[in-house]
């Protein structure tokens, strides 16, 4: 039972899902613009050893895990190599797609 309690301590559990466009990326940090979890954007650290990173402008859906006592986010290693459909980013940021036939 104490193992379960330990895994649920503040800042060490599972984080949220962030769907948005990459606005900056380097070997240590990836930042999203406005996304499904933040109207202003979110930056998180990249785990060591990750070599396949999204590019600026790519639409991604990343899991962010709190670390450093919940003060910072670390992106999930497996999510960093996946891209999602552009429609997901438009939906997440509240924008309508310019290719949507229903748009005026």
PDB file of N, CA and C in Angstrom:
ATOM      1  N   UNK A   1       0.817  -1.195   0.000  1.00  0.00           N
ATOM      2  CA  UNK A   1       0.000   0.000   0.000  1.00  0.00           C
ATOM      3  C   UNK A   1       0.863   1.262   0.000  1.00  0.00           C
ATOM      4  N   UNK A   2       1.980   1.255   0.705  1.00  0.00           N
ATOM      5  CA  UNK A   2       2.812   2.458   0.746  1.00  0.00           C
ATOM      6  C   UNK A   2       3.403   2.778  -0.621  1.00  0.00           C
ATOM      7  N   UNK A   3       3.633   1.743  -1.463  1.00  0.00           N
ATOM      8  CA  UNK A   3       4.128   1.985  -2.822  1.00  0.00           C
ATOM      9  C   UNK A   3       3.131   2.778  -3.636  1.00  0.00           C
ATOM     10  N   UNK A   4       1.854   2.487  -3.465  1.00  0.00           N
ATOM     11  CA  UNK A   4       0.818   3.224  -4.174  1.00  0.00           C
ATOM     12  C   UNK A   4       0.783   4.662  -3.701  1.00  0.00           C
ATOM     13  N   UNK A   5       0.881   4.873  -2.429  1.00  0.00           N
ATOM     14  CA  UNK A   5       0.882   6.230  -1.887  1.00  0.00           C
ATOM     15  C   UNK A   5       2.070   7.020  -2.416  1.00  0.00           C
ATOM     16  N   UNK A   6       3.227   6.398  -2.489  1.00  0.00           N
ATOM     17  CA  UNK A   6       4.424   7.062  -2.991  1.00  0.00           C
ATOM     18  C   UNK A   6       4.259   7.472  -4.452  1.00  0.00           C
ATOM     19  N   UNK A   7       3.627   6.623  -5.254  1.00  0.00           N
ATOM     20  CA  UNK A   7       3.493   6.921  -6.675  1.00  0.00           C
ATOM     21  C   UNK A   7       2.495   8.037  -6.944  1.00  0.00           C
ATOM     22  N   UNK A   8       1.746   8.421  -5.964  1.00  0.00           N
ATOM     23  CA  UNK A   8       0.723   9.448  -6.151  1.00  0.00           C
ATOM     24  C   UNK A   8       1.089  10.782  -5.511  1.00  0.00           C
ATOM     25  N   UNK A   9       2.319  10.945  -5.096  1.00  0.00           N
ATOM     26  CA  UNK A   9       2.702  12.196  -4.462  1.00  0.00           C
ATOM     27  C   UNK A   9       2.671  13.340  -5.457  1.00  0.00           C
ATOM     28  N   UNK A  10       2.421  14.546  -4.992  1.00  0.00           N
ATOM     29  CA  UNK A  10       2.305  15.721  -5.847  1.00  0.00           C
ATOM     30  C   UNK A  10       3.560  15.938  -6.676  1.00  0.00           C
ATOM     31  N   UNK A  11       3.333  16.196  -7.950  1.00  0.00           N
ATOM     32  CA  UNK A  11       4.444  16.540  -8.828  1.00  0.00           C
ATOM     33  C   UNK A  11       5.189  15.364  -9.405  1.00  0.00           C
ATOM     34  N   UNK A  12       4.847  14.164  -9.015  1.00  0.00           N
ATOM     35  CA  UNK A  12       5.571  13.007  -9.524  1.00  0.00           C
ATOM     36  C   UNK A  12       4.665  12.084 -10.331  1.00  0.00           C
ATOM     37  N   UNK A  13       3.390  12.405 -10.444  1.00  0.00           N
ATOM     38  CA  UNK A  13       2.447  11.539 -11.141  1.00  0.00           C
ATOM     39  C   UNK A  13       2.375  11.840 -12.620  1.00  0.00           C
ATOM     40  N   UNK A  14       1.340  11.294 -13.235  1.00  0.00           N
ATOM     41  CA  UNK A  14       1.163  11.483 -14.670  1.00  0.00           C
ATOM     42  C   UNK A  14       0.639  12.883 -14.945  1.00  0.00           C
ATOM     43  N   UNK A  15       1.087  13.455 -16.031  1.00  0.00           N
ATOM     44  CA  UNK A  15       0.692  14.811 -16.382  1.00  0.00           C
ATOM     45  C   UNK A  15      -0.411  14.839 -17.417  1.00  0.00           C
ATOM     46  N   UNK A  16      -0.559  15.990 -18.029  1.00  0.00           N
ATOM     47  CA  UNK A  16      -1.617  16.194 -18.998  1.00  0.00           C
ATOM     48  C   UNK A  16      -1.185  15.915 -20.425  1.00  0.00           C
ATOM     49  N   UNK A  17      -2.147  16.070 -21.316  1.00  0.00           N
ATOM     50  CA  UNK A  17      -1.918  15.892 -22.752  1.00  0.00           C
ATOM     51  C   UNK A  17      -1.955  17.274 -23.375  1.00  0.00           C
ATOM     52  N   UNK A  18      -0.976  17.570 -24.209  1.00  0.00           N
ATOM     53  CA  UNK A  18      -0.840  18.876 -24.853  1.00  0.00           C
ATOM     54  C   UNK A  18      -0.852  18.680 -26.364  1.00  0.00           C
ATOM     55  N   UNK A  19      -1.910  19.145 -27.027  1.00  0.00           N
ATOM     56  CA  UNK A  19      -2.013  19.038 -28.477  1.00  0.00           C
ATOM     57  C   UNK A  19      -1.882  20.433 -29.058  1.00  0.00           C
ATOM     58  N   UNK A  20      -0.888  20.643 -29.898  1.00  0.00           N
ATOM     59  CA  UNK A  20      -0.654  21.957 -30.478  1.00  0.00           C
ATOM     60  C   UNK A  20       0.493  21.929 -31.471  1.00  0.00           C
ATOM     61  N   UNK A  21       0.833  23.114 -31.971  1.00  0.00           N
ATOM     62  CA  UNK A  21       1.926  23.239 -32.947  1.00  0.00           C
ATOM     63  C   UNK A  21       3.237  23.593 -32.258  1.00  0.00           C
ATOM     64  N   UNK A  22       4.294  22.996 -32.756  1.00  0.00           N
ATOM     65  CA  UNK A  22       5.633  23.287 -32.247  1.00  0.00           C
ATOM     66  C   UNK A  22       6.016  24.692 -32.702  1.00  0.00           C
ATOM     67  N   UNK A  23       6.413  25.553 -31.750  1.00  0.00           N
ATOM     68  CA  UNK A  23       6.851  26.906 -32.101  1.00  0.00           C
ATOM     69  C   UNK A  23       8.358  27.079 -31.949  1.00  0.00           C
ATOM     70  N   UNK A  24       8.984  26.225 -31.148  1.00  0.00           N
ATOM     71  CA  UNK A  24      10.442  26.233 -31.066  1.00  0.00           C
ATOM     72  C   UNK A  24      10.905  24.879 -30.538  1.00  0.00           C
ATOM     73  N   UNK A  25      12.100  24.496 -30.974  1.00  0.00           N
ATOM     74  CA  UNK A  25      12.664  23.224 -30.528  1.00  0.00           C
ATOM     75  C   UNK A  25      14.186  23.298 -30.628  1.00  0.00           C
ATOM     76  N   UNK A  26      14.838  22.769 -29.605  1.00  0.00           N
ATOM     77  CA  UNK A  26      16.285  22.585 -29.649  1.00  0.00           C
ATOM     78  C   UNK A  26      16.580  21.255 -28.963  1.00  0.00           C
ATOM     79  N   UNK A  27      17.821  20.939 -28.731  1.00  0.00           N
ATOM     80  CA  UNK A  27      18.143  19.627 -28.182  1.00  0.00           C
ATOM     81  C   UNK A  27      17.682  19.426 -26.742  1.00  0.00           C
ATOM     82  N   UNK A  28      17.337  20.517 -26.039  1.00  0.00           N
ATOM     83  CA  UNK A  28      16.960  20.406 -24.632  1.00  0.00           C
ATOM     84  C   UNK A  28      15.495  20.718 -24.349  1.00  0.00           C
ATOM     85  N   UNK A  29      14.847  21.517 -25.207  1.00  0.00           N
ATOM     86  CA  UNK A  29      13.501  21.993 -24.892  1.00  0.00           C
ATOM     87  C   UNK A  29      12.643  22.095 -26.152  1.00  0.00           C
ATOM     88  N   UNK A  30      11.363  21.752 -26.010  1.00  0.00           N
ATOM     89  CA  UNK A  30      10.395  21.891 -27.092  1.00  0.00           C
ATOM     90  C   UNK A  30       9.239  22.721 -26.563  1.00  0.00           C
ATOM     91  N   UNK A  31       8.831  23.732 -27.334  1.00  0.00           N
ATOM     92  CA  UNK A  31       7.735  24.603 -26.930  1.00  0.00           C
ATOM     93  C   UNK A  31       6.591  24.532 -27.931  1.00  0.00           C
ATOM     94  N   UNK A  32       5.383  24.486 -27.388  1.00  0.00           N
ATOM     95  CA  UNK A  32       4.175  24.534 -28.191  1.00  0.00           C
ATOM     96  C   UNK A  32       3.550  25.908 -28.059  1.00  0.00           C
ATOM     97  N   UNK A  33       2.879  26.344 -29.116  1.00  0.00           N
ATOM     98  CA  UNK A  33       2.084  27.562 -29.040  1.00  0.00           C
ATOM     99  C   UNK A  33       0.811  27.252 -28.278  1.00  0.00           C
ATOM    100  N   UNK A  34      -0.210  28.094 -28.409  1.00  0.00           N
ATOM    101  CA  UNK A  34      -1.480  27.811 -27.738  1.00  0.00           C
ATOM    102  C   UNK A  34      -1.903  26.369 -28.048  1.00  0.00           C
ATOM    103  N   UNK A  35      -2.335  25.652 -27.008  1.00  0.00           N
ATOM    104  CA  UNK A  35      -2.627  24.237 -27.174  1.00  0.00           C
ATOM    105  C   UNK A  35      -3.820  23.815 -26.331  1.00  0.00           C
ATOM    106  N   UNK A  36      -4.123  22.540 -26.346  1.00  0.00           N
ATOM    107  CA  UNK A  36      -5.300  22.016 -25.661  1.00  0.00           C
ATOM    108  C   UNK A  36      -5.259  22.209 -24.150  1.00  0.00           C
ATOM    109  N   UNK A  37      -4.090  22.470 -23.587  1.00  0.00           N
ATOM    110  CA  UNK A  37      -3.971  22.638 -22.142  1.00  0.00           C
ATOM    111  C   UNK A  37      -3.577  24.043 -21.710  1.00  0.00           C
ATOM    112  N   UNK A  38      -3.219  24.904 -22.661  1.00  0.00           N
ATOM    113  CA  UNK A  38      -2.791  26.251 -22.304  1.00  0.00           C
ATOM    114  C   UNK A  38      -3.079  27.234 -23.444  1.00  0.00           C
ATOM    115  N   UNK A  39      -3.778  28.331 -23.149  1.00  0.00           N
ATOM    116  CA  UNK A  39      -4.058  29.311 -24.200  1.00  0.00           C
ATOM    117  C   UNK A  39      -2.834  30.120 -24.616  1.00  0.00           C
ATOM    118  N   UNK A  40      -1.759  30.064 -23.829  1.00  0.00           N
ATOM    119  CA  UNK A  40      -0.580  30.867 -24.131  1.00  0.00           C
ATOM    120  C   UNK A  40       0.614  30.054 -24.613  1.00  0.00           C
ATOM    121  N   UNK A  41       0.594  28.741 -24.428  1.00  0.00           N
ATOM    122  CA  UNK A  41       1.714  27.906 -24.851  1.00  0.00           C
ATOM    123  C   UNK A  41       2.343  27.177 -23.685  1.00  0.00           C
ATOM    124  N   UNK A  42       3.160  26.192 -24.014  1.00  0.00           N
ATOM    125  CA  UNK A  42       3.784  25.341 -23.002  1.00  0.00           C
ATOM    126  C   UNK A  42       5.145  24.885 -23.492  1.00  0.00           C
ATOM    127  N   UNK A  43       6.129  24.959 -22.616  1.00  0.00           N
ATOM    128  CA  UNK A  43       7.460  24.447 -22.930  1.00  0.00           C
ATOM    129  C   UNK A  43       7.773  23.287 -21.986  1.00  0.00           C
ATOM    130  N   UNK A  44       8.517  22.325 -22.496  1.00  0.00           N
ATOM    131  CA  UNK A  44       8.924  21.200 -21.674  1.00  0.00           C
ATOM    132  C   UNK A  44      10.286  20.706 -22.098  1.00  0.00           C
ATOM    133  N   UNK A  45      10.938  20.012 -21.187  1.00  0.00           N
ATOM    134  CA  UNK A  45      12.270  19.495 -21.498  1.00  0.00           C
ATOM    135  C   UNK A  45      12.160  18.194 -22.285  1.00  0.00           C
ATOM    136  N   UNK A  46      13.196  17.924 -23.045  1.00  0.00           N
ATOM    137  CA  UNK A  46      13.278  16.728 -23.879  1.00  0.00           C
ATOM    138  C   UNK A  46      14.140  15.708 -23.135  1.00  0.00           C
ATOM    139  N   UNK A  47      13.639  14.489 -22.963  1.00  0.00           N
ATOM    140  CA  UNK A  47      14.449  13.473 -22.279  1.00  0.00           C
ATOM    141  C   UNK A  47      15.768  13.219 -23.004  1.00  0.00           C
ATOM    142  N   UNK A  48      16.800  12.886 -22.261  1.00  0.00           N
ATOM    143  CA  UNK A  48      18.109  12.601 -22.850  1.00  0.00           C
ATOM    144  C   UNK A  48      18.016  11.420 -23.801  1.00  0.00           C
ATOM    145  N   UNK A  49      18.767  11.493 -24.880  1.00  0.00           N
ATOM    146  CA  UNK A  49      18.837  10.395 -25.822  1.00  0.00           C
ATOM    147  C   UNK A  49      17.817  10.436 -26.947  1.00  0.00           C
ATOM    148  N   UNK A  50      16.878  11.374 -26.903  1.00  0.00           N
ATOM    149  CA  UNK A  50      15.889  11.479 -27.972  1.00  0.00           C
ATOM    150  C   UNK A  50      16.534  12.180 -29.159  1.00  0.00           C
ATOM    151  N   UNK A  51      16.468  11.547 -30.327  1.00  0.00           N
ATOM    152  CA  UNK A  51      17.090  12.123 -31.518  1.00  0.00           C
ATOM    153  C   UNK A  51      16.073  12.523 -32.579  1.00  0.00           C
ATOM    154  N   UNK A  52      14.933  11.864 -32.632  1.00  0.00           N
ATOM    155  CA  UNK A  52      13.903  12.212 -33.614  1.00  0.00           C
ATOM    156  C   UNK A  52      12.932  13.205 -32.978  1.00  0.00           C
ATOM    157  N   UNK A  53      13.067  14.446 -33.378  1.00  0.00           N
ATOM    158  CA  UNK A  53      12.235  15.503 -32.806  1.00  0.00           C
ATOM    159  C   UNK A  53      11.330  16.112 -33.869  1.00  0.00           C
ATOM    160  N   UNK A  54      10.144  16.584 -33.456  1.00  0.00           N
ATOM    161  CA  UNK A  54       9.293  17.300 -34.411  1.00  0.00           C
ATOM    162  C   UNK A  54       9.950  18.606 -34.814  1.00  0.00           C
ATOM    163  N   UNK A  55       9.484  19.162 -35.925  1.00  0.00           N
ATOM    164  CA  UNK A  55      10.000  20.437 -36.415  1.00  0.00           C
ATOM    165  C   UNK A  55       9.024  21.554 -36.087  1.00  0.00           C
ATOM    166  N   UNK A  56       9.529  22.770 -36.145  1.00  0.00           N
ATOM    167  CA  UNK A  56       8.668  23.940 -35.943  1.00  0.00           C
ATOM    168  C   UNK A  56       7.537  23.876 -36.969  1.00  0.00           C
ATOM    169  N   UNK A  57       6.313  24.063 -36.501  1.00  0.00           N
ATOM    170  CA  UNK A  57       5.136  24.019 -37.359  1.00  0.00           C
ATOM    171  C   UNK A  57       4.409  22.689 -37.338  1.00  0.00           C
ATOM    172  N   UNK A  58       5.081  21.618 -36.873  1.00  0.00           N
ATOM    173  CA  UNK A  58       4.433  20.310 -36.801  1.00  0.00           C
ATOM    174  C   UNK A  58       3.329  20.313 -35.757  1.00  0.00           C
ATOM    175  N   UNK A  59       2.275  19.569 -36.028  1.00  0.00           N
ATOM    176  CA  UNK A  59       1.193  19.365 -35.073  1.00  0.00           C
ATOM    177  C   UNK A  59       1.517  18.103 -34.283  1.00  0.00           C
ATOM    178  N   UNK A  60       1.538  18.217 -32.959  1.00  0.00           N
ATOM    179  CA  UNK A  60       1.885  17.093 -32.092  1.00  0.00           C
ATOM    180  C   UNK A  60       0.887  16.980 -30.943  1.00  0.00           C
ATOM    181  N   UNK A  61       0.848  15.824 -30.342  1.00  0.00           N
ATOM    182  CA  UNK A  61       0.066  15.595 -29.135  1.00  0.00           C
ATOM    183  C   UNK A  61       0.996  14.912 -28.144  1.00  0.00           C
ATOM    184  N   UNK A  62       1.424  15.649 -27.132  1.00  0.00           N
ATOM    185  CA  UNK A  62       2.458  15.182 -26.210  1.00  0.00           C
ATOM    186  C   UNK A  62       1.912  15.011 -24.799  1.00  0.00           C
ATOM    187  N   UNK A  63       2.401  13.998 -24.135  1.00  0.00           N
ATOM    188  CA  UNK A  63       2.134  13.853 -22.706  1.00  0.00           C
ATOM    189  C   UNK A  63       3.248  14.581 -21.977  1.00  0.00           C
ATOM    190  N   UNK A  64       2.866  15.407 -21.028  1.00  0.00           N
ATOM    191  CA  UNK A  64       3.849  16.123 -20.228  1.00  0.00           C
ATOM    192  C   UNK A  64       3.808  15.624 -18.803  1.00  0.00           C
ATOM    193  N   UNK A  65       4.964  15.261 -18.284  1.00  0.00           N
ATOM    194  CA  UNK A  65       5.056  14.728 -16.932  1.00  0.00           C
ATOM    195  C   UNK A  65       5.788  15.710 -16.036  1.00  0.00           C
ATOM    196  N   UNK A  66       5.185  16.065 -14.907  1.00  0.00           N
ATOM    197  CA  UNK A  66       5.854  16.996 -14.000  1.00  0.00           C
ATOM    198  C   UNK A  66       7.100  16.372 -13.370  1.00  0.00           C
ATOM    199  N   UNK A  67       8.107  17.194 -13.189  1.00  0.00           N
ATOM    200  CA  UNK A  67       9.297  16.778 -12.449  1.00  0.00           C
ATOM    201  C   UNK A  67       9.830  17.992 -11.723  1.00  0.00           C
ATOM    202  N   UNK A  68      10.892  17.830 -10.986  1.00  0.00           N
ATOM    203  CA  UNK A  68      11.461  18.909 -10.169  1.00  0.00           C
ATOM    204  C   UNK A  68      10.388  19.463  -9.241  1.00  0.00           C
ATOM    205  N   UNK A  69       9.723  18.569  -8.531  1.00  0.00           N
ATOM    206  CA  UNK A  69       8.663  18.902  -7.574  1.00  0.00           C
ATOM    207  C   UNK A  69       7.489  19.620  -8.229  1.00  0.00           C
ATOM    208  N   UNK A  70       7.213  19.248  -9.480  1.00  0.00           N
ATOM    209  CA  UNK A  70       6.051  19.805 -10.177  1.00  0.00           C
ATOM    210  C   UNK A  70       6.260  21.172 -10.790  1.00  0.00           C
ATOM    211  N   UNK A  71       7.481  21.671 -10.790  1.00  0.00           N
ATOM    212  CA  UNK A  71       7.725  23.023 -11.308  1.00  0.00           C
ATOM    213  C   UNK A  71       8.049  23.037 -12.798  1.00  0.00           C
ATOM    214  N   UNK A  72       8.377  21.877 -13.382  1.00  0.00           N
ATOM    215  CA  UNK A  72       8.743  21.794 -14.792  1.00  0.00           C
ATOM    216  C   UNK A  72       8.042  20.606 -15.432  1.00  0.00           C
ATOM    217  N   UNK A  73       8.027  20.598 -16.767  1.00  0.00           N
ATOM    218  CA  UNK A  73       7.420  19.506 -17.524  1.00  0.00           C
ATOM    219  C   UNK A  73       8.498  18.802 -18.340  1.00  0.00           C
ATOM    220  N   UNK A  74       8.398  17.487 -18.403  1.00  0.00           N
ATOM    221  CA  UNK A  74       9.250  16.691 -19.294  1.00  0.00           C
ATOM    222  C   UNK A  74       8.315  15.968 -20.255  1.00  0.00           C
ATOM    223  N   UNK A  75       8.575  16.118 -21.550  1.00  0.00           N
ATOM    224  CA  UNK A  75       7.743  15.461 -22.557  1.00  0.00           C
ATOM    225  C   UNK A  75       8.004  13.964 -22.571  1.00  0.00           C
ATOM    226  N   UNK A  76       6.977  13.194 -22.923  1.00  0.00           N
ATOM    227  CA  UNK A  76       7.100  11.751 -23.056  1.00  0.00           C
ATOM    228  C   UNK A  76       7.985  11.413 -24.250  1.00  0.00           C
ATOM    229  N   UNK A  77       8.953  10.557 -24.030  1.00  0.00           N
ATOM    230  CA  UNK A  77       9.894  10.143 -25.072  1.00  0.00           C
ATOM    231  C   UNK A  77       9.166   9.558 -26.288  1.00  0.00           C
ATOM    232  N   UNK A  78       8.191   8.695 -26.064  1.00  0.00           N
ATOM    233  CA  UNK A  78       7.517   8.023 -27.181  1.00  0.00           C
ATOM    234  C   UNK A  78       6.652   8.980 -27.996  1.00  0.00           C
ATOM    235  N   UNK A  79       6.095  10.010 -27.370  1.00  0.00           N
ATOM    236  CA  UNK A  79       5.235  10.956 -28.089  1.00  0.00           C
ATOM    237  C   UNK A  79       6.017  11.896 -29.005  1.00  0.00           C
ATOM    238  N   UNK A  80       7.277  12.121 -28.727  1.00  0.00           N
ATOM    239  CA  UNK A  80       8.054  13.095 -29.487  1.00  0.00           C
ATOM    240  C   UNK A  80       8.277  12.699 -30.942  1.00  0.00           C
ATOM    241  N   UNK A  81       8.152  11.428 -31.258  1.00  0.00           N
ATOM    242  CA  UNK A  81       8.365  10.996 -32.642  1.00  0.00           C
ATOM    243  C   UNK A  81       7.058  10.860 -33.421  1.00  0.00           C
ATOM    244  N   UNK A  82       5.926  11.149 -32.782  1.00  0.00           N
ATOM    245  CA  UNK A  82       4.622  11.018 -33.445  1.00  0.00           C
ATOM    246  C   UNK A  82       4.058  12.370 -33.826  1.00  0.00           C
ATOM    247  N   UNK A  83       3.407  12.403 -34.974  1.00  0.00           N
ATOM    248  CA  UNK A  83       2.713  13.607 -35.416  1.00  0.00           C
ATOM    249  C   UNK A  83       1.228  13.300 -35.479  1.00  0.00           C
ATOM    250  N   UNK A  84       0.398  14.317 -35.349  1.00  0.00           N
ATOM    251  CA  UNK A  84      -1.042  14.133 -35.470  1.00  0.00           C
ATOM    252  C   UNK A  84      -1.566  15.000 -36.601  1.00  0.00           C
ATOM    253  N   UNK A  85      -2.778  14.734 -37.019  1.00  0.00           N
ATOM    254  CA  UNK A  85      -3.402  15.469 -38.116  1.00  0.00           C
ATOM    255  C   UNK A  85      -3.522  16.952 -37.777  1.00  0.00           C
ATOM    256  N   UNK A  86      -3.327  17.796 -38.785  1.00  0.00           N
ATOM    257  CA  UNK A  86      -3.420  19.246 -38.590  1.00  0.00           C
ATOM    258  C   UNK A  86      -4.759  19.680 -37.999  1.00  0.00           C
ATOM    259  N   UNK A  87      -5.815  18.932 -38.304  1.00  0.00           N
ATOM    260  CA  UNK A  87      -7.141  19.275 -37.773  1.00  0.00           C
ATOM    261  C   UNK A  87      -7.157  19.258 -36.255  1.00  0.00           C
ATOM    262  N   UNK A  88      -6.372  18.359 -35.666  1.00  0.00           N
ATOM    263  CA  UNK A  88      -6.317  18.270 -34.203  1.00  0.00           C
ATOM    264  C   UNK A  88      -5.759  19.556 -33.599  1.00  0.00           C
ATOM    265  N   UNK A  89      -4.770  20.146 -34.237  1.00  0.00           N
ATOM    266  CA  UNK A  89      -4.191  21.388 -33.730  1.00  0.00           C
ATOM    267  C   UNK A  89      -5.165  22.547 -33.899  1.00  0.00           C
ATOM    268  N   UNK A  90      -5.872  22.580 -35.008  1.00  0.00           N
ATOM    269  CA  UNK A  90      -6.868  23.633 -35.212  1.00  0.00           C
ATOM    270  C   UNK A  90      -7.954  23.535 -34.147  1.00  0.00           C
ATOM    271  N   UNK A  91      -8.384  22.325 -33.872  1.00  0.00           N
ATOM    272  CA  UNK A  91      -9.418  22.104 -32.860  1.00  0.00           C
ATOM    273  C   UNK A  91      -8.899  22.487 -31.477  1.00  0.00           C
ATOM    274  N   UNK A  92      -7.671  22.093 -31.162  1.00  0.00           N
ATOM    275  CA  UNK A  92      -7.093  22.336 -29.843  1.00  0.00           C
ATOM    276  C   UNK A  92      -6.890  23.817 -29.565  1.00  0.00           C
ATOM    277  N   UNK A  93      -6.550  24.584 -30.595  1.00  0.00           N
ATOM    278  CA  UNK A  93      -6.288  26.010 -30.385  1.00  0.00           C
ATOM    279  C   UNK A  93      -7.539  26.866 -30.576  1.00  0.00           C
ATOM    280  N   UNK A  94      -8.642  26.227 -30.974  1.00  0.00           N
ATOM    281  CA  UNK A  94      -9.885  26.962 -31.158  1.00  0.00           C
ATOM    282  C   UNK A  94      -9.999  27.650 -32.490  1.00  0.00           C
ATOM    283  N   UNK A  95      -9.081  27.356 -33.412  1.00  0.00           N
ATOM    284  CA  UNK A  95      -9.100  27.968 -34.733  1.00  0.00           C
ATOM    285  C   UNK A  95      -9.880  27.073 -35.681  1.00  0.00           C
ATOM    286  N   UNK A  96     -10.378  27.660 -36.761  1.00  0.00           N
ATOM    287  CA  UNK A  96     -10.989  26.848 -37.806  1.00  0.00           C
ATOM    288  C   UNK A  96      -9.996  26.689 -38.922  1.00  0.00           C
ATOM    289  N   UNK A  97      -9.989  25.547 -39.527  1.00  0.00           N
ATOM    290  CA  UNK A  97      -9.045  25.259 -40.603  1.00  0.00           C
ATOM    291  C   UNK A  97      -9.448  25.998 -41.873  1.00  0.00           C
ATOM    292  N   UNK A  98      -8.467  26.498 -42.614  1.00  0.00           N
ATOM    293  CA  UNK A  98      -8.752  27.201 -43.853  1.00  0.00           C
ATOM    294  C   UNK A  98      -9.172  26.226 -44.949  1.00  0.00           C
ATOM    295  N   UNK A  99      -8.943  24.939 -44.745  1.00  0.00           N
ATOM    296  CA  UNK A  99      -9.348  23.950 -45.736  1.00  0.00           C
ATOM    297  C   UNK A  99     -10.708  23.354 -45.411  1.00  0.00           C
ATOM    298  N   UNK A 100     -11.356  23.819 -44.365  1.00  0.00           N
ATOM    299  CA  UNK A 100     -12.666  23.313 -43.985  1.00  0.00           C
ATOM    300  C   UNK A 100     -13.710  23.830 -44.950  1.00  0.00           C
ATOM    301  N   UNK A 101     -14.413  22.947 -45.694  1.00  0.00           N
ATOM    302  CA  UNK A 101     -15.398  23.398 -46.667  1.00  0.00           C
ATOM    303  C   UNK A 101     -16.574  24.119 -46.021  1.00  0.00           C
ATOM    304  N   UNK A 102     -16.781  23.938 -44.727  1.00  0.00           N
ATOM    305  CA  UNK A 102     -17.884  24.614 -44.037  1.00  0.00           C
ATOM    306  C   UNK A 102     -17.547  26.059 -43.676  1.00  0.00           C
ATOM    307  N   UNK A 103     -16.280  26.415 -43.786  1.00  0.00           N
ATOM    308  CA  UNK A 103     -15.861  27.789 -43.456  1.00  0.00           C
ATOM    309  C   UNK A 103     -16.280  28.731 -44.569  1.00  0.00           C
ATOM    310  N   UNK A 104     -16.699  29.943 -44.203  1.00  0.00           N
ATOM    311  CA  UNK A 104     -17.090  30.927 -45.249  1.00  0.00           C
ATOM    312  C   UNK A 104     -15.920  31.420 -46.045  1.00  0.00           C
TER     313      UNK A 104
END
